[in-house]
C-alpha cells in the first residue's frame, strides 16, 4: 500500500508577470480604478492591446517593404530586358 502524500505547496503560484513600480498620471489611475476590483488587470489588458496593435503595424510595414523590394526587383529586370531588346 502506497502511503506517500504530496506536500502542500505554500505561497503564491508562479506567475509570468513581472513585479515592478510604474508611475502613471493620476487621471489614468482614476479612470482604471472606476472599473473596481481587478483594475490593474485592466491596465495590463490595455497595454497588451496596444502592444499587439504595434506589433501588427510593424509586421504590416515590414510586409509592405518586402512587397516593394520584390516589385522593384521585377521592374529592374523588365527594364534590363527592354534595354537588351533595344
Foldseek 3Di string as FASTA:
>chain_A
DDPDDDDDDDDDDDDPDDDDDDDDDPVVVVVLCVVPPPSVVVVVVVVVVVVVVVVVVVVVVVVVVVVVVVVVVVVVVVVVVVVVVD
